Amino acid sequence: MYGYIVAQGLVHVLKGCGDNLTRENLLRQATTLKGIAPPMFIDGIGVYNSPTDYRAIHHLQLTRFDGTTLAPLGAPALLDEIG
């Protein structure tokens, strides 16, 4: 699943580059991700980063498999607050 999510991010970056596949544009697209919700992510968890913060995932959602689906345990937590 991790590889699929990373590949989805790469697809988004390459689409953002368009026909300008220079190193500078690739880095600009890869370091300004906003509002991306990969298909395998739980609702409420998204991807964003900046040129000064390369971390793309900032939230964590604990879940439990209830026999048919993943059921969230509480609200998404900000990783910086977890410690």
PDB file of N, CA and C in Angstrom:
ATOM      1  N   MET A   1       0.831  -1.175   0.000  1.00  0.00           N
ATOM      2  CA  MET A   1       0.000   0.000   0.000  1.00  0.00           C
ATOM      3  C   MET A   1       0.885   1.252   0.000  1.00  0.00           C
ATOM      4  N   TYR A   2       1.981   1.234   0.757  1.00  0.00           N
ATOM      5  CA  TYR A   2       2.863   2.399   0.818  1.00  0.00           C
ATOM      6  C   TYR A   2       3.377   2.774  -0.578  1.00  0.00           C
ATOM      7  N   GLY A   3       3.822   1.765  -1.332  1.00  0.00           N
ATOM      8  CA  GLY A   3       4.329   2.024  -2.683  1.00  0.00           C
ATOM      9  C   GLY A   3       3.271   2.636  -3.591  1.00  0.00           C
ATOM     10  N   TYR A   4       2.033   2.174  -3.459  1.00  0.00           N
ATOM     11  CA  TYR A   4       0.932   2.718  -4.256  1.00  0.00           C
ATOM     12  C   TYR A   4       0.691   4.190  -3.911  1.00  0.00           C
ATOM     13  N   ILE A   5       0.733   4.513  -2.622  1.00  0.00           N
ATOM     14  CA  ILE A   5       0.506   5.897  -2.184  1.00  0.00           C
ATOM     15  C   ILE A   5       1.629   6.803  -2.679  1.00  0.00           C
ATOM     16  N   VAL A   6       2.880   6.323  -2.595  1.00  0.00           N
ATOM     17  CA  VAL A   6       4.014   7.110  -3.089  1.00  0.00           C
ATOM     18  C   VAL A   6       3.891   7.314  -4.593  1.00  0.00           C
ATOM     19  N   ALA A   7       3.495   6.274  -5.309  1.00  0.00           N
ATOM     20  CA  ALA A   7       3.320   6.393  -6.758  1.00  0.00           C
ATOM     21  C   ALA A   7       2.238   7.405  -7.104  1.00  0.00           C
ATOM     22  N   GLN A   8       1.148   7.443  -6.335  1.00  0.00           N
ATOM     23  CA  GLN A   8       0.095   8.431  -6.566  1.00  0.00           C
ATOM     24  C   GLN A   8       0.637   9.852  -6.380  1.00  0.00           C
ATOM     25  N   GLY A   9       1.496  10.037  -5.383  1.00  0.00           N
ATOM     26  CA  GLY A   9       2.124  11.346  -5.165  1.00  0.00           C
ATOM     27  C   GLY A   9       3.007  11.731  -6.332  1.00  0.00           C
ATOM     28  N   LEU A  10       3.769  10.776  -6.844  1.00  0.00           N
ATOM     29  CA  LEU A  10       4.637  11.041  -7.987  1.00  0.00           C
ATOM     30  C   LEU A  10       3.816  11.405  -9.219  1.00  0.00           C
ATOM     31  N   VAL A  11       2.715  10.712  -9.436  1.00  0.00           N
ATOM     32  CA  VAL A  11       1.830  11.039 -10.567  1.00  0.00           C
ATOM     33  C   VAL A  11       1.339  12.478 -10.445  1.00  0.00           C
ATOM     34  N   HIS A  12       0.933  12.874  -9.235  1.00  0.00           N
ATOM     35  CA  HIS A  12       0.452  14.242  -9.016  1.00  0.00           C
ATOM     36  C   HIS A  12       1.556  15.262  -9.323  1.00  0.00           C
ATOM     37  N   VAL A  13       2.770  14.996  -8.861  1.00  0.00           N
ATOM     38  CA  VAL A  13       3.897  15.910  -9.105  1.00  0.00           C
ATOM     39  C   VAL A  13       4.185  16.006 -10.595  1.00  0.00           C
ATOM     40  N   LEU A  14       4.235  14.878 -11.292  1.00  0.00           N
ATOM     41  CA  LEU A  14       4.540  14.898 -12.723  1.00  0.00           C
ATOM     42  C   LEU A  14       3.443  15.594 -13.532  1.00  0.00           C
ATOM     43  N   LYS A  15       2.190  15.410 -13.141  1.00  0.00           N
ATOM     44  CA  LYS A  15       1.110  16.138 -13.823  1.00  0.00           C
ATOM     45  C   LYS A  15       1.252  17.634 -13.600  1.00  0.00           C
ATOM     46  N   GLY A  16       1.661  18.027 -12.400  1.00  0.00           N
ATOM     47  CA  GLY A  16       1.873  19.446 -12.100  1.00  0.00           C
ATOM     48  C   GLY A  16       3.001  20.042 -12.926  1.00  0.00           C
ATOM     49  N   CYS A  17       3.991  19.222 -13.276  1.00  0.00           N
ATOM     50  CA  CYS A  17       5.118  19.698 -14.080  1.00  0.00           C
ATOM     51  C   CYS A  17       4.714  19.989 -15.518  1.00  0.00           C
ATOM     52  N   GLY A  18       3.708  19.274 -15.999  1.00  0.00           N
ATOM     53  CA  GLY A  18       3.317  19.457 -17.396  1.00  0.00           C
ATOM     54  C   GLY A  18       4.463  19.081 -18.315  1.00  0.00           C
ATOM     55  N   ASP A  19       4.729  19.937 -19.298  1.00  0.00           N
ATOM     56  CA  ASP A  19       5.814  19.689 -20.252  1.00  0.00           C
ATOM     57  C   ASP A  19       7.148  20.232 -19.764  1.00  0.00           C
ATOM     58  N   ASN A  20       7.160  20.937 -18.634  1.00  0.00           N
ATOM     59  CA  ASN A  20       8.388  21.538 -18.114  1.00  0.00           C
ATOM     60  C   ASN A  20       9.021  20.593 -17.097  1.00  0.00           C
ATOM     61  N   LEU A  21       9.753  19.594 -17.578  1.00  0.00           N
ATOM     62  CA  LEU A  21      10.344  18.576 -16.713  1.00  0.00           C
ATOM     63  C   LEU A  21      11.775  18.927 -16.303  1.00  0.00           C
ATOM     64  N   THR A  22      11.995  20.166 -15.909  1.00  0.00           N
ATOM     65  CA  THR A  22      13.314  20.560 -15.413  1.00  0.00           C
ATOM     66  C   THR A  22      13.429  20.204 -13.935  1.00  0.00           C
ATOM     67  N   ARG A  23      14.647  20.137 -13.440  1.00  0.00           N
ATOM     68  CA  ARG A  23      14.883  19.832 -12.032  1.00  0.00           C
ATOM     69  C   ARG A  23      14.205  20.877 -11.148  1.00  0.00           C
ATOM     70  N   GLU A  24      14.329  22.144 -11.516  1.00  0.00           N
ATOM     71  CA  GLU A  24      13.753  23.228 -10.725  1.00  0.00           C
ATOM     72  C   GLU A  24      12.233  23.105 -10.620  1.00  0.00           C
ATOM     73  N   ASN A  25      11.576  22.836 -11.738  1.00  0.00           N
ATOM     74  CA  ASN A  25      10.120  22.717 -11.720  1.00  0.00           C
ATOM     75  C   ASN A  25       9.684  21.465 -10.964  1.00  0.00           C
ATOM     76  N   LEU A  26      10.405  20.372 -11.133  1.00  0.00           N
ATOM     77  CA  LEU A  26      10.080  19.150 -10.404  1.00  0.00           C
ATOM     78  C   LEU A  26      10.166  19.386  -8.897  1.00  0.00           C
ATOM     79  N   LEU A  27      11.229  20.046  -8.441  1.00  0.00           N
ATOM     80  CA  LEU A  27      11.365  20.354  -7.012  1.00  0.00           C
ATOM     81  C   LEU A  27      10.280  21.311  -6.542  1.00  0.00           C
ATOM     82  N   ARG A  28       9.940  22.292  -7.365  1.00  0.00           N
ATOM     83  CA  ARG A  28       8.881  23.239  -6.998  1.00  0.00           C
ATOM     84  C   ARG A  28       7.547  22.515  -6.821  1.00  0.00           C
ATOM     85  N   GLN A  29       7.232  21.619  -7.752  1.00  0.00           N
ATOM     86  CA  GLN A  29       5.978  20.871  -7.668  1.00  0.00           C
ATOM     87  C   GLN A  29       5.983  19.914  -6.475  1.00  0.00           C
ATOM     88  N   ALA A  30       7.129  19.277  -6.216  1.00  0.00           N
ATOM     89  CA  ALA A  30       7.224  18.281  -5.144  1.00  0.00           C
ATOM     90  C   ALA A  30       7.249  18.903  -3.760  1.00  0.00           C
ATOM     91  N   THR A  31       7.578  20.188  -3.667  1.00  0.00           N
ATOM     92  CA  THR A  31       7.657  20.832  -2.346  1.00  0.00           C
ATOM     93  C   THR A  31       6.534  21.840  -2.118  1.00  0.00           C
ATOM     94  N   THR A  32       5.500  21.766  -2.923  1.00  0.00           N
ATOM     95  CA  THR A  32       4.332  22.629  -2.714  1.00  0.00           C
ATOM     96  C   THR A  32       3.045  21.815  -2.848  1.00  0.00           C
ATOM     97  N   LEU A  33       3.040  20.646  -2.248  1.00  0.00           N
ATOM     98  CA  LEU A  33       1.855  19.790  -2.290  1.00  0.00           C
ATOM     99  C   LEU A  33       0.809  20.340  -1.328  1.00  0.00           C
ATOM    100  N   LYS A  34      -0.426  20.399  -1.781  1.00  0.00           N
ATOM    101  CA  LYS A  34      -1.524  20.902  -0.944  1.00  0.00           C
ATOM    102  C   LYS A  34      -2.827  20.240  -1.349  1.00  0.00           C
ATOM    103  N   GLY A  35      -3.600  19.838  -0.375  1.00  0.00           N
ATOM    104  CA  GLY A  35      -4.945  19.336  -0.649  1.00  0.00           C
ATOM    105  C   GLY A  35      -5.010  18.038  -1.406  1.00  0.00           C
ATOM    106  N   ILE A  36      -3.982  17.199  -1.272  1.00  0.00           N
ATOM    107  CA  ILE A  36      -3.992  15.914  -1.958  1.00  0.00           C
ATOM    108  C   ILE A  36      -4.488  14.862  -0.971  1.00  0.00           C
ATOM    109  N   ALA A  37      -5.447  14.072  -1.391  1.00  0.00           N
ATOM    110  CA  ALA A  37      -5.958  12.968  -0.572  1.00  0.00           C
ATOM    111  C   ALA A  37      -5.838  11.687  -1.391  1.00  0.00           C
ATOM    112  N   PRO A  38      -4.728  10.951  -1.245  1.00  0.00           N
ATOM    113  CA  PRO A  38      -4.562   9.712  -2.013  1.00  0.00           C
ATOM    114  C   PRO A  38      -5.732   8.751  -1.785  1.00  0.00           C
ATOM    115  N   PRO A  39      -6.079   7.965  -2.793  1.00  0.00           N
ATOM    116  CA  PRO A  39      -7.241   7.085  -2.713  1.00  0.00           C
ATOM    117  C   PRO A  39      -7.219   6.127  -1.528  1.00  0.00           C
ATOM    118  N   MET A  40      -6.075   5.709  -1.072  1.00  0.00           N
ATOM    119  CA  MET A  40      -5.988   4.730   0.015  1.00  0.00           C
ATOM    120  C   MET A  40      -5.995   5.384   1.396  1.00  0.00           C
ATOM    121  N   PHE A  41      -6.017   6.707   1.468  1.00  0.00           N
ATOM    122  CA  PHE A  41      -6.009   7.402   2.759  1.00  0.00           C
ATOM    123  C   PHE A  41      -7.407   7.432   3.363  1.00  0.00           C
ATOM    124  N   ILE A  42      -7.458   7.456   4.672  1.00  0.00           N
ATOM    125  CA  ILE A  42      -8.711   7.584   5.400  1.00  0.00           C
ATOM    126  C   ILE A  42      -9.193   9.023   5.278  1.00  0.00           C
ATOM    127  N   ASP A  43     -10.498   9.242   5.237  1.00  0.00           N
ATOM    128  CA  ASP A  43     -11.052  10.597   5.166  1.00  0.00           C
ATOM    129  C   ASP A  43     -10.466  11.463   6.279  1.00  0.00           C
ATOM    130  N   GLY A  44     -10.117  12.686   5.920  1.00  0.00           N
ATOM    131  CA  GLY A  44      -9.572  13.617   6.899  1.00  0.00           C
ATOM    132  C   GLY A  44      -8.058  13.645   6.943  1.00  0.00           C
ATOM    133  N   ILE A  45      -7.413  12.687   6.298  1.00  0.00           N
ATOM    134  CA  ILE A  45      -5.955  12.652   6.255  1.00  0.00           C
ATOM    135  C   ILE A  45      -5.533  13.058   4.845  1.00  0.00           C
ATOM    136  N   GLY A  46      -4.687  14.060   4.751  1.00  0.00           N
ATOM    137  CA  GLY A  46      -4.247  14.533   3.452  1.00  0.00           C
ATOM    138  C   GLY A  46      -2.744  14.684   3.405  1.00  0.00           C
ATOM    139  N   VAL A  47      -2.267  15.166   2.284  1.00  0.00           N
ATOM    140  CA  VAL A  47      -0.846  15.368   2.051  1.00  0.00           C
ATOM    141  C   VAL A  47      -0.614  16.845   1.779  1.00  0.00           C
ATOM    142  N   TYR A  48       0.339  17.418   2.471  1.00  0.00           N
ATOM    143  CA  TYR A  48       0.775  18.784   2.178  1.00  0.00           C
ATOM    144  C   TYR A  48       2.189  18.964   2.683  1.00  0.00           C
ATOM    145  N   ASN A  49       2.940  19.834   2.037  1.00  0.00           N
ATOM    146  CA  ASN A  49       4.288  20.170   2.460  1.00  0.00           C
ATOM    147  C   ASN A  49       4.640  21.555   1.953  1.00  0.00           C
ATOM    148  N   SER A  50       5.883  21.958   2.180  1.00  0.00           N
ATOM    149  CA  SER A  50       6.341  23.271   1.731  1.00  0.00           C
ATOM    150  C   SER A  50       7.845  23.197   1.491  1.00  0.00           C
ATOM    151  N   PRO A  51       8.418  24.227   0.885  1.00  0.00           N
ATOM    152  CA  PRO A  51       9.871  24.216   0.665  1.00  0.00           C
ATOM    153  C   PRO A  51      10.679  24.180   1.968  1.00  0.00           C
ATOM    154  N   THR A  52      10.060  24.522   3.092  1.00  0.00           N
ATOM    155  CA  THR A  52      10.776  24.483   4.371  1.00  0.00           C
ATOM    156  C   THR A  52      10.358  23.308   5.251  1.00  0.00           C
ATOM    157  N   ASP A  53       9.353  22.557   4.855  1.00  0.00           N
ATOM    158  CA  ASP A  53       8.876  21.398   5.609  1.00  0.00           C
ATOM    159  C   ASP A  53       8.535  20.290   4.620  1.00  0.00           C
ATOM    160  N   TYR A  54       9.448  19.352   4.448  1.00  0.00           N
ATOM    161  CA  TYR A  54       9.282  18.303   3.446  1.00  0.00           C
ATOM    162  C   TYR A  54       8.345  17.182   3.886  1.00  0.00           C
ATOM    163  N   ARG A  55       7.987  17.132   5.149  1.00  0.00           N
ATOM    164  CA  ARG A  55       7.073  16.074   5.601  1.00  0.00           C
ATOM    165  C   ARG A  55       5.751  16.217   4.862  1.00  0.00           C
ATOM    166  N   ALA A  56       5.286  15.132   4.302  1.00  0.00           N
ATOM    167  CA  ALA A  56       4.047  15.210   3.531  1.00  0.00           C
ATOM    168  C   ALA A  56       2.834  14.773   4.347  1.00  0.00           C
ATOM    169  N   ILE A  57       3.055  13.950   5.349  1.00  0.00           N
ATOM    170  CA  ILE A  57       1.955  13.454   6.164  1.00  0.00           C
ATOM    171  C   ILE A  57       2.104  14.035   7.564  1.00  0.00           C
ATOM    172  N   HIS A  58       1.087  14.761   8.011  1.00  0.00           N
ATOM    173  CA  HIS A  58       1.147  15.455   9.296  1.00  0.00           C
ATOM    174  C   HIS A  58       0.136  14.922  10.305  1.00  0.00           C
ATOM    175  N   HIS A  59      -0.750  14.033   9.883  1.00  0.00           N
ATOM    176  CA  HIS A  59      -1.792  13.514  10.770  1.00  0.00           C
ATOM    177  C   HIS A  59      -1.765  11.988  10.807  1.00  0.00           C
ATOM    178  N   LEU A  60      -2.280  11.454  11.897  1.00  0.00           N
ATOM    179  CA  LEU A  60      -2.374  10.021  12.096  1.00  0.00           C
ATOM    180  C   LEU A  60      -3.789   9.693  12.537  1.00  0.00           C
ATOM    181  N   GLN A  61      -4.339   8.629  11.987  1.00  0.00           N
ATOM    182  CA  GLN A  61      -5.673   8.188  12.387  1.00  0.00           C
ATOM    183  C   GLN A  61      -5.585   6.737  12.826  1.00  0.00           C
ATOM    184  N   LEU A  62      -5.789   6.475  14.095  1.00  0.00           N
ATOM    185  CA  LEU A  62      -5.835   5.099  14.570  1.00  0.00           C
ATOM    186  C   LEU A  62      -7.153   4.477  14.132  1.00  0.00           C
ATOM    187  N   THR A  63      -7.084   3.226  13.696  1.00  0.00           N
ATOM    188  CA  THR A  63      -8.280   2.528  13.247  1.00  0.00           C
ATOM    189  C   THR A  63      -8.269   1.094  13.779  1.00  0.00           C
ATOM    190  N   ARG A  64      -9.447   0.482  13.733  1.00  0.00           N
ATOM    191  CA  ARG A  64      -9.582  -0.913  14.135  1.00  0.00           C
ATOM    192  C   ARG A  64     -10.439  -1.600  13.072  1.00  0.00           C
ATOM    193  N   PHE A  65     -10.038  -2.787  12.687  1.00  0.00           N
ATOM    194  CA  PHE A  65     -10.830  -3.568  11.738  1.00  0.00           C
ATOM    195  C   PHE A  65     -11.975  -4.211  12.499  1.00  0.00           C
ATOM    196  N   ASP A  66     -13.207  -3.900  12.103  1.00  0.00           N
ATOM    197  CA  ASP A  66     -14.380  -4.393  12.833  1.00  0.00           C
ATOM    198  C   ASP A  66     -14.997  -5.656  12.217  1.00  0.00           C
ATOM    199  N   GLY A  67     -14.268  -6.282  11.331  1.00  0.00           N
ATOM    200  CA  GLY A  67     -14.762  -7.486  10.672  1.00  0.00           C
ATOM    201  C   GLY A  67     -15.133  -7.260   9.224  1.00  0.00           C
ATOM    202  N   THR A  68     -15.486  -6.013   8.886  1.00  0.00           N
ATOM    203  CA  THR A  68     -15.834  -5.701   7.497  1.00  0.00           C
ATOM    204  C   THR A  68     -15.099  -4.480   6.966  1.00  0.00           C
ATOM    205  N   THR A  69     -14.764  -3.538   7.834  1.00  0.00           N
ATOM    206  CA  THR A  69     -14.126  -2.302   7.391  1.00  0.00           C
ATOM    207  C   THR A  69     -13.243  -1.751   8.499  1.00  0.00           C
ATOM    208  N   LEU A  70     -12.493  -0.701   8.173  1.00  0.00           N
ATOM    209  CA  LEU A  70     -11.693  -0.021   9.179  1.00  0.00           C
ATOM    210  C   LEU A  70     -12.562   1.018   9.870  1.00  0.00           C
ATOM    211  N   ALA A  71     -12.632   0.954  11.180  1.00  0.00           N
ATOM    212  CA  ALA A  71     -13.421   1.904  11.969  1.00  0.00           C
ATOM    213  C   ALA A  71     -12.457   2.836  12.703  1.00  0.00           C
ATOM    214  N   PRO A  72     -12.611   4.158  12.514  1.00  0.00           N
ATOM    215  CA  PRO A  72     -11.704   5.088  13.181  1.00  0.00           C
ATOM    216  C   PRO A  72     -11.870   5.059  14.698  1.00  0.00           C
ATOM    217  N   LEU A  73     -10.758   5.252  15.395  1.00  0.00           N
ATOM    218  CA  LEU A  73     -10.750   5.367  16.855  1.00  0.00           C
ATOM    219  C   LEU A  73     -10.443   6.821  17.190  1.00  0.00           C
ATOM    220  N   GLY A  74     -11.456   7.603  17.445  1.00  0.00           N
ATOM    221  CA  GLY A  74     -11.257   9.013  17.742  1.00  0.00           C
ATOM    222  C   GLY A  74     -11.034   9.829  16.492  1.00  0.00           C
ATOM    223  N   ALA A  75     -10.557  11.039  16.697  1.00  0.00           N
ATOM    224  CA  ALA A  75     -10.305  11.975  15.597  1.00  0.00           C
ATOM    225  C   ALA A  75      -8.848  11.872  15.142  1.00  0.00           C
ATOM    226  N   PRO A  76      -8.547  12.317  13.902  1.00  0.00           N
ATOM    227  CA  PRO A  76      -7.148  12.332  13.472  1.00  0.00           C
ATOM    228  C   PRO A  76      -6.303  13.184  14.422  1.00  0.00           C
ATOM    229  N   ALA A  77      -5.086  12.729  14.684  1.00  0.00           N
ATOM    230  CA  ALA A  77      -4.171  13.431  15.579  1.00  0.00           C
ATOM    231  C   ALA A  77      -3.050  14.068  14.777  1.00  0.00           C
ATOM    232  N   LEU A  78      -2.651  15.256  15.167  1.00  0.00           N
ATOM    233  CA  LEU A  78      -1.525  15.933  14.558  1.00  0.00           C
ATOM    234  C   LEU A  78      -0.254  15.279  15.079  1.00  0.00           C
ATOM    235  N   LEU A  79       0.623  14.805  14.191  1.00  0.00           N
ATOM    236  CA  LEU A  79       1.808  14.072  14.603  1.00  0.00           C
ATOM    237  C   LEU A  79       2.703  14.895  15.535  1.00  0.00           C
ATOM    238  N   ASP A  80       2.762  16.203  15.359  1.00  0.00           N
ATOM    239  CA  ASP A  80       3.594  17.041  16.219  1.00  0.00           C
ATOM    240  C   ASP A  80       3.116  17.023  17.669  1.00  0.00           C
ATOM    241  N   GLU A  81       1.834  16.770  17.888  1.00  0.00           N
ATOM    242  CA  GLU A  81       1.266  16.768  19.233  1.00  0.00           C
ATOM    243  C   GLU A  81       1.408  15.426  19.932  1.00  0.00           C
ATOM    244  N   ILE A  82       1.704  14.365  19.179  1.00  0.00           N
ATOM    245  CA  ILE A  82       1.793  13.031  19.755  1.00  0.00           C
ATOM    246  C   ILE A  82       3.085  12.886  20.573  1.00  0.00           C
ATOM    247  N   GLY A  83       4.125  13.501  20.118  1.00  0.00           N
ATOM    248  CA  GLY A  83       5.379  13.444  20.860  1.00  0.00           C
ATOM    249  C   GLY A  83       6.321  12.562  20.211  1.00  0.00           C
TER     250      GLY A  83
END
